[in-house]
Every structure is written in C-alpha cells, then in structure tokens.
Amino acid sequence: MKKHLLLLTAALSCGLFSYAQVSFGVKAGYSMAGMSAKNIITDNTPYEANTKTLPAFHAGVIADISLAKNFSLQPGLFYSAKGAKLHQISTGPADEIEKVVSTAHLNYLELPVNFLYKRALGPGKIFAGFGPYLAYGVGGKIKTEYEHYASRESEVKFENKEDYAAGITYVKPFDAGANFIAGYELKMGLLLSVNYSLGLTNTSPYESETQKNHYLGISVGYLLHKHK
C-alpha cells in the first residue's frame, strides 16, 4: 500500500511539473520566535509560563507552481531557528517554589506548503495564502537559570523520550502546524513577504509540560527562473 502511494505521489508530481508553470527561488529572513508553554506544578494545577520572543532567522529554497490564473502552490524547504525565553515556576529539592528562566534555541528543517492567491497590482502582484507545515528538529541548546541554584546549559536531543538525564533536554522530533503568509512579488522576481507560523503540536515529551512553537517572520526572496 505504501509503495503504491509513493508511486501515485510521484506520478502526480511529475504531471504537475509537466503542465504547470513553475518558478524556483531562494528566500531568507528574520523571525521573532516564541512559544506557548504550560507546566503542571502542584495538585495537578496547570501553570502557564510567561514567555518572551527571541530573535531568530530562516533561510531556504521555494518552488512556485501555478495552478490557475490567480492561484499557485508554493512549497519550500527551510532551515528555521525557533525557541523562546520562558519564565516558569518549578519545585526545588525541598519542595520549595523555584523561579526558573529558560532560553531555548531550537533548529529545524521545515517544509511549508502554502496555497496562494495572487492579484496584479502595480508593477507586480500582491499575494496572500495559508497552508500546513511539517518540521524536523536537527539541533539546539537550552540555558536554564534558577533563582537559588547555579545556571546550567543542556543539549537538546530530538527524541520522544521522557528522561531527565544530566545535561540533556529531550524534545519531540516532529513539529507541525499552520502557516499564514502575505506579500508582494515583482515581475523581475524579487518578493517580500510576512508570515506567521502557528505550531499545533505539543513538542515536549514530558508529561508535566506542554509546549508549542510559533514565530512571526519577515522575508526577502528571489524567483530564479520559469519554465512550462
């Protein structure tokens, strides 16, 4: 069944690229990365962590596939930095309440697939759209500062594993969600865009935590060539 599905996907992809007008390009930009986070501290009471955004970046390649007069499909593959600064409360060794500040830098390979509506305006086209994304973690670091204890830095391992090993923080390898995008494309290929990426999956494997990524990005890109 899986083999037949792969063959069907390949056939449809070949057909799409054969008959559709396709542009290839590069894209990069600045991101304001953040997280929504909740912890359970005592009596099964959820505590919503106070989070702040971190400066980050994204860079990669895109394909713009014309589907109809004003509609196109725009998949991409990006190296995307995510994370946040989280102000949390935890319990210390003597069950005292401990204030904790964690700065998480997480790196992903991200595959967004956006459905775009384009309309001619001035010397180019204005566009807007949305679509899903899937990301896979490739590396990261987390620095944790405690109110009463020494700070520590841990390596991020992207595994679905609930383990409190020294110097290691586990994060689920896959992240998925929705992407919303708008921008302007010039006839000569230059494009400017703003996008908001909303994580819909819990990336923490720890039972007492829920964490979801999000970021606001500003990008500059260039479509290199077109063919039919």
Protein backbone atom coordinates (compact mmCIF):
# COMPACT_ATOMS: atom_id res chain seq x y z
CA MET A 1 0.00 0.00 0.00
CA LYS A 2 2.79 2.39 0.95
CA LYS A 3 4.65 1.58 -2.29
CA HIS A 4 1.53 2.31 -4.37
CA LEU A 5 1.01 5.60 -2.53
CA LEU A 6 4.59 6.69 -3.21
CA LEU A 7 4.25 5.80 -6.90
CA LEU A 8 0.98 7.72 -7.16
CA THR A 9 2.52 10.76 -5.45
CA ALA A 10 5.50 10.67 -7.82
CA ALA A 11 3.23 10.38 -10.86
CA LEU A 12 1.07 13.29 -9.76
CA SER A 13 4.16 15.40 -9.03
CA CYS A 14 5.63 14.69 -12.46
CA GLY A 15 2.33 15.57 -14.10
CA LEU A 16 2.02 18.76 -12.12
CA PHE A 17 5.52 19.93 -13.04
CA SER A 18 4.99 18.96 -16.68
CA TYR A 19 1.86 21.03 -17.23
CA ALA A 20 2.15 23.82 -14.69
CA GLN A 21 4.27 26.95 -14.88
CA VAL A 22 6.96 26.62 -12.23
CA SER A 23 9.38 29.12 -10.68
CA PHE A 24 12.25 28.21 -8.39
CA GLY A 25 13.89 30.55 -5.95
CA VAL A 26 15.59 31.32 -2.68
CA LYS A 27 14.23 33.01 0.42
CA ALA A 28 15.56 34.17 3.79
CA GLY A 29 14.61 36.47 6.60
CA TYR A 30 14.28 37.49 10.23
CA SER A 31 11.98 35.78 12.72
CA MET A 32 10.57 36.65 16.12
CA ALA A 33 10.39 33.16 17.62
CA GLY A 34 8.20 32.29 20.58
CA MET A 35 6.35 29.51 22.40
CA SER A 36 3.18 28.88 24.29
CA ALA A 37 4.01 26.78 27.35
CA LYS A 38 2.19 25.24 30.31
CA ASN A 39 3.55 23.33 33.29
CA ILE A 40 1.82 21.31 36.00
CA ILE A 41 3.48 22.15 39.31
CA THR A 42 1.33 21.10 42.31
CA ASP A 43 -2.08 19.47 42.82
CA ASN A 44 -2.35 18.89 39.03
CA THR A 45 -2.82 22.66 38.58
CA PRO A 46 -1.61 23.90 35.16
CA TYR A 47 0.64 26.94 35.22
CA GLU A 48 1.01 28.98 32.04
CA ALA A 49 4.60 30.09 31.63
CA ASN A 50 5.41 33.71 30.84
CA THR A 51 7.23 33.59 27.51
CA LYS A 52 9.17 36.18 25.53
CA THR A 53 10.25 36.12 21.89
CA LEU A 54 13.79 35.58 20.69
CA PRO A 55 15.44 36.94 17.52
CA ALA A 56 15.91 34.12 15.00
CA PHE A 57 16.20 33.51 11.25
CA HIS A 58 15.08 31.26 8.42
CA ALA A 59 16.60 30.51 5.02
CA GLY A 60 15.90 28.07 2.23
CA VAL A 61 14.51 27.35 -1.22
CA ILE A 62 11.00 27.61 -2.67
CA ALA A 63 9.08 26.49 -5.74
CA ASP A 64 6.12 28.47 -7.05
CA ILE A 65 3.72 26.28 -9.06
CA SER A 66 0.95 28.00 -10.99
CA LEU A 67 -2.37 26.15 -10.57
CA ALA A 68 -4.76 28.61 -12.24
CA LYS A 69 -4.88 32.25 -13.30
CA ASN A 70 -4.66 33.70 -9.78
CA PHE A 71 -3.75 30.65 -7.73
CA SER A 72 -0.47 28.90 -7.04
CA LEU A 73 1.08 26.30 -4.76
CA GLN A 74 4.33 27.31 -3.03
CA PRO A 75 6.22 24.56 -1.18
CA GLY A 76 9.58 25.27 0.39
CA LEU A 77 12.39 23.75 2.42
CA PHE A 78 13.92 25.94 5.14
CA TYR A 79 16.48 25.86 7.90
CA SER A 80 14.42 27.54 10.60
CA ALA A 81 15.51 28.69 14.05
CA LYS A 82 12.81 28.62 16.74
CA GLY A 83 12.61 28.85 20.51
CA ALA A 84 11.76 31.33 23.27
CA LYS A 85 12.68 32.65 26.68
CA LEU A 86 10.41 31.03 29.28
CA HIS A 87 9.81 32.29 32.81
CA GLN A 88 8.48 29.31 34.77
CA ILE A 89 7.87 28.05 38.29
CA SER A 90 9.05 24.63 39.44
CA THR A 91 9.59 22.82 42.73
CA GLY A 92 13.06 22.60 44.26
CA PRO A 93 14.63 19.64 46.15
CA ALA A 94 12.90 20.70 49.40
CA ASP A 95 9.56 21.20 47.58
CA GLU A 96 10.00 24.96 47.66
CA ILE A 97 8.73 27.04 44.74
CA GLU A 98 11.61 27.91 42.43
CA LYS A 99 11.56 30.58 39.71
CA VAL A 100 13.25 29.41 36.53
CA VAL A 101 14.20 31.25 33.32
CA SER A 102 14.96 29.00 30.34
CA THR A 103 16.27 30.25 26.99
CA ALA A 104 15.64 27.67 24.29
CA HIS A 105 17.30 27.79 20.87
CA LEU A 106 15.86 25.08 18.61
CA ASN A 107 16.80 24.42 14.98
CA TYR A 108 14.54 22.69 12.47
CA LEU A 109 14.33 21.66 8.84
CA GLU A 110 10.90 22.95 7.90
CA LEU A 111 8.66 22.09 4.96
CA PRO A 112 5.78 24.58 4.46
CA VAL A 113 3.25 24.12 1.65
CA ASN A 114 1.31 27.34 1.05
CA PHE A 115 -1.72 27.82 -1.19
CA LEU A 116 -1.56 31.38 -2.58
CA TYR A 117 -3.99 33.78 -4.19
CA LYS A 118 -2.28 36.39 -6.38
CA ARG A 119 -3.67 39.57 -7.91
CA ALA A 120 -1.96 42.06 -10.22
CA LEU A 121 -1.19 45.37 -8.53
CA GLY A 122 1.17 47.99 -9.92
CA PRO A 123 4.47 46.57 -11.22
CA GLY A 124 3.82 43.15 -9.72
CA LYS A 125 1.36 41.02 -7.75
CA ILE A 126 0.07 41.11 -4.23
CA PHE A 127 -0.45 37.67 -2.69
CA ALA A 128 -1.87 36.03 0.41
CA GLY A 129 -2.37 32.44 1.48
CA PHE A 130 -2.04 29.70 4.03
CA GLY A 131 -1.09 26.07 4.38
CA PRO A 132 0.36 23.37 6.63
CA TYR A 133 3.96 22.91 7.65
CA LEU A 134 5.98 19.97 8.94
CA ALA A 135 9.33 20.41 10.69
CA TYR A 136 12.03 18.05 11.96
CA GLY A 137 14.44 19.03 14.74
CA VAL A 138 18.16 18.97 13.96
CA GLY A 139 19.80 20.61 16.98
CA GLY A 140 19.57 23.06 19.82
CA LYS A 141 20.66 24.33 23.23
CA ILE A 142 18.76 25.36 26.35
CA LYS A 143 20.22 27.60 29.05
CA THR A 144 18.41 27.42 32.38
CA GLU A 145 18.83 29.99 35.16
CA TYR A 146 17.49 29.31 38.66
CA GLU A 147 16.56 31.70 41.44
CA HIS A 148 18.54 29.84 44.13
CA TYR A 149 20.82 27.48 42.20
CA ALA A 150 23.59 27.68 39.62
CA SER A 151 22.58 28.04 35.98
CA ARG A 152 23.16 25.18 33.56
CA GLU A 153 23.22 24.59 29.82
CA SER A 154 21.80 21.45 28.26
CA GLU A 155 21.99 19.92 24.81
CA VAL A 156 18.71 19.31 23.01
CA LYS A 157 18.09 15.79 21.70
CA PHE A 158 15.11 15.43 19.40
CA GLU A 159 13.64 12.17 20.70
CA ASN A 160 10.20 11.32 22.04
CA LYS A 161 11.72 10.35 25.37
CA GLU A 162 10.78 11.43 28.89
CA ASP A 163 14.15 11.34 30.60
CA TYR A 164 15.85 13.77 32.98
CA ALA A 165 19.44 12.89 32.12
CA ALA A 166 22.04 15.44 33.22
CA GLY A 167 22.94 17.93 30.52
CA ILE A 168 20.25 16.73 28.10
CA THR A 169 16.75 18.05 27.35
CA TYR A 170 14.52 15.95 25.13
CA VAL A 171 12.18 17.48 22.54
CA LYS A 172 9.86 15.56 20.21
CA PRO A 173 11.49 15.37 16.77
CA PHE A 174 8.46 16.47 14.73
CA ASP A 175 6.68 19.81 14.84
CA ALA A 176 3.61 20.59 12.71
CA GLY A 177 1.15 23.42 12.34
CA ALA A 178 -0.32 26.10 10.10
CA ASN A 179 1.37 28.90 8.17
CA PHE A 180 -0.20 32.21 7.08
CA ILE A 181 1.55 34.41 4.54
CA ALA A 182 1.09 37.70 2.64
CA GLY A 183 3.41 39.75 0.46
CA TYR A 184 4.29 41.34 -2.84
CA GLU A 185 6.03 39.85 -5.89
CA LEU A 186 7.70 42.00 -8.55
CA LYS A 187 7.78 40.92 -12.21
CA MET A 188 11.59 40.72 -12.14
CA GLY A 189 11.38 38.01 -9.45
CA LEU A 190 12.01 39.88 -6.21
CA LEU A 191 9.45 39.16 -3.50
CA LEU A 192 8.79 40.46 0.02
CA SER A 193 6.59 38.60 2.48
CA VAL A 194 5.39 38.40 6.06
CA ASN A 195 4.32 35.08 7.56
CA TYR A 196 3.03 33.75 10.85
CA SER A 197 3.79 30.14 11.77
CA LEU A 198 1.48 28.61 14.38
CA GLY A 199 2.54 25.33 15.94
CA LEU A 200 -0.36 22.98 16.67
CA THR A 201 1.52 20.02 18.17
CA ASN A 202 2.99 19.64 21.64
CA THR A 203 6.76 19.36 21.19
CA SER A 204 7.52 18.38 24.79
CA PRO A 205 7.70 14.66 25.64
CA TYR A 206 7.46 15.39 29.37
CA GLU A 207 4.09 14.61 30.93
CA SER A 208 4.07 17.77 33.07
CA GLU A 209 4.75 20.14 30.13
CA THR A 210 3.00 21.39 27.01
CA GLN A 211 5.00 23.49 24.54
CA LYS A 212 4.07 24.75 21.08
CA ASN A 213 6.23 26.81 18.72
CA HIS A 214 5.22 29.93 16.86
CA TYR A 215 7.02 32.75 15.07
CA LEU A 216 6.46 35.89 13.03
CA GLY A 217 8.77 36.15 10.03
CA ILE A 218 9.76 38.84 7.53
CA SER A 219 11.39 37.52 4.36
CA VAL A 220 13.07 38.60 1.13
CA GLY A 221 13.22 36.19 -1.78
CA TYR A 222 14.02 35.88 -5.46
CA LEU A 223 12.40 33.62 -8.06
CA LEU A 224 15.23 32.48 -10.32
CA HIS A 225 13.61 31.18 -13.50
CA LYS A 226 10.38 29.99 -15.05
CA HIS A 227 9.51 27.23 -17.47
CA LYS A 228 6.46 25.38 -18.77
